[in-house]
Protein backbone atom coordinates (compact mmCIF):
# COMPACT_ATOMS: atom_id res chain seq x y z
CA MET A 1 179.04 52.75 36.49
CA ASN A 2 176.30 51.26 34.40
CA ASP A 3 176.62 50.61 30.67
CA ASN A 4 175.96 54.22 29.66
CA GLY A 5 178.52 55.63 32.13
CA THR A 6 176.00 56.79 34.72
CA ARG A 7 177.14 56.58 38.34
CA ARG A 8 174.85 54.48 40.57
CA VAL A 9 173.91 55.73 44.02
CA LEU A 10 172.56 54.13 47.19
CA ILE A 11 170.39 56.56 49.16
CA VAL A 12 170.00 55.80 52.87
CA GLU A 13 167.44 58.22 54.30
CA ASP A 14 164.44 57.63 56.56
CA ASP A 15 162.49 60.76 55.62
CA VAL A 16 160.56 59.98 52.43
CA MET A 17 160.35 63.63 51.35
CA ILE A 18 164.10 64.14 51.72
CA ARG A 19 164.73 60.86 49.89
CA MET A 20 162.55 62.02 46.99
CA LEU A 21 164.33 65.39 46.91
CA ILE A 22 167.73 63.66 46.80
CA GLU A 23 166.48 61.40 44.00
CA ASP A 24 165.43 64.44 41.97
CA MET A 25 168.75 66.18 42.59
CA LEU A 26 170.68 63.08 41.57
CA ALA A 27 168.67 62.76 38.35
CA ASP A 28 169.41 66.42 37.57
CA LEU A 29 173.12 65.73 38.14
CA GLY A 30 173.10 62.68 35.85
CA PHE A 31 173.31 60.01 38.55
CA ALA A 32 171.06 56.95 38.79
CA VAL A 33 169.50 55.70 42.02
CA ALA A 34 170.49 52.03 42.22
CA ALA A 35 168.96 51.36 45.64
CA GLN A 36 167.44 53.14 48.60
CA ALA A 37 166.74 52.27 52.19
CA ALA A 38 164.97 53.83 55.16
CA LYS A 39 166.05 51.28 57.79
CA VAL A 40 169.53 50.20 58.88
CA HIS A 41 168.76 46.52 58.17
CA ASP A 42 167.78 47.26 54.55
CA ALA A 43 170.65 49.72 54.10
CA LEU A 44 173.14 47.12 55.34
CA ALA A 45 171.84 44.55 52.87
CA ALA A 46 172.10 47.06 50.01
CA ALA A 47 175.57 48.19 51.11
CA LYS A 48 176.78 44.59 50.95
CA THR A 49 175.14 43.52 47.69
CA ALA A 50 173.87 46.41 45.54
CA ASP A 51 175.75 47.37 42.39
CA ILE A 52 176.63 50.95 43.38
CA ASP A 53 179.39 53.50 42.81
CA VAL A 54 178.70 55.78 45.79
CA ALA A 55 176.29 56.09 48.72
CA ILE A 56 174.61 58.92 50.60
CA LEU A 57 174.05 58.00 54.25
CA ASP A 58 171.80 59.82 56.66
CA VAL A 59 173.68 59.44 59.94
CA ASN A 60 170.59 58.68 62.01
CA LEU A 61 167.71 56.47 60.84
CA SER A 62 164.88 56.66 63.37
CA GLY A 63 167.33 56.58 66.28
CA GLU A 64 169.71 54.00 64.78
CA THR A 65 173.16 55.00 63.55
CA THR A 66 174.27 54.09 60.03
CA GLY A 67 177.76 53.29 61.31
CA PRO A 68 177.42 49.58 60.39
CA VAL A 69 176.39 50.60 56.85
CA ALA A 70 179.47 52.83 56.58
CA GLU A 71 181.62 49.90 57.77
CA ALA A 72 180.14 47.59 55.11
CA LEU A 73 180.71 50.18 52.37
CA ALA A 74 184.29 50.79 53.53
CA GLU A 75 184.97 47.03 53.44
CA ARG A 76 183.82 46.96 49.80
CA GLY A 77 185.84 50.06 48.96
CA THR A 78 182.67 51.95 48.03
CA PRO A 79 182.86 55.70 48.63
CA PHE A 80 180.12 57.40 50.61
CA VAL A 81 178.94 60.76 51.88
CA PHE A 82 177.22 61.39 55.19
CA ALA A 83 174.15 63.64 55.32
CA THR A 84 173.06 65.04 58.66
CA GLY A 85 171.47 67.97 60.35
CA TYR A 86 173.48 67.29 63.52
CA GLY A 87 176.97 68.23 62.36
CA GLU A 88 180.21 66.27 62.69
CA HIS A 89 179.75 65.17 66.31
CA GLY A 90 177.14 62.60 65.21
CA LEU A 91 179.53 60.83 62.84
CA PRO A 92 181.23 57.58 63.76
CA GLU A 93 184.78 58.43 64.93
CA ARG A 94 186.42 56.28 62.25
CA PHE A 95 184.64 58.13 59.45
CA ARG A 96 184.98 61.76 60.49
CA ASP A 97 187.24 62.36 57.48
CA ARG A 98 184.46 61.46 55.03
CA PRO A 99 182.55 64.12 53.07
CA LEU A 100 179.69 65.59 55.08
CA LEU A 101 176.53 67.15 53.66
CA LYS A 102 174.87 69.42 56.19
CA LYS A 103 171.09 69.32 55.96
CA PRO A 104 169.37 71.14 54.45
CA PHE A 105 171.61 71.16 51.39
CA GLN A 106 171.42 72.45 47.84
CA ILE A 107 172.16 70.59 44.63
CA GLU A 108 175.57 72.32 44.31
CA SER A 109 176.66 70.97 47.71
CA LEU A 110 175.46 67.49 46.80
CA LYS A 111 177.45 67.54 43.56
CA ARG A 112 180.58 68.82 45.31
CA MET A 113 180.39 66.12 48.02
CA LEU A 114 179.74 63.32 45.51
CA ASP A 115 182.65 64.52 43.36
CA THR A 116 184.87 64.58 46.47
CA ALA A 117 183.81 61.07 47.52
CA LEU A 118 184.31 59.64 44.03
CA ALA A 119 187.74 61.28 43.63
CA ASN A 120 189.18 59.49 46.70
């Protein structure tokens, strides 16, 4: 959390319009976007170093899986939520128990999944 108690989020999403929509939803929910990435390389760097409380990971970034990003977040003990239009079968086996946002999603679903991730 930052100084005013706002939770900081890493958004990993390769579609700029979806990323902007998630940003707006997070602002409406009282979260702050601490970092964002559209490529696995950038997401991995942010997952290892950014000052974040939770992350939202698109499962597939232009054909690359975000599995390594999930691994880095898990190593840091940072909770995360997967977002995908493909369903559970696209998730890395190790992380199938993590909260899953099915695209397209509404703000209520986003809040519920973030609350679930942060509670664990």
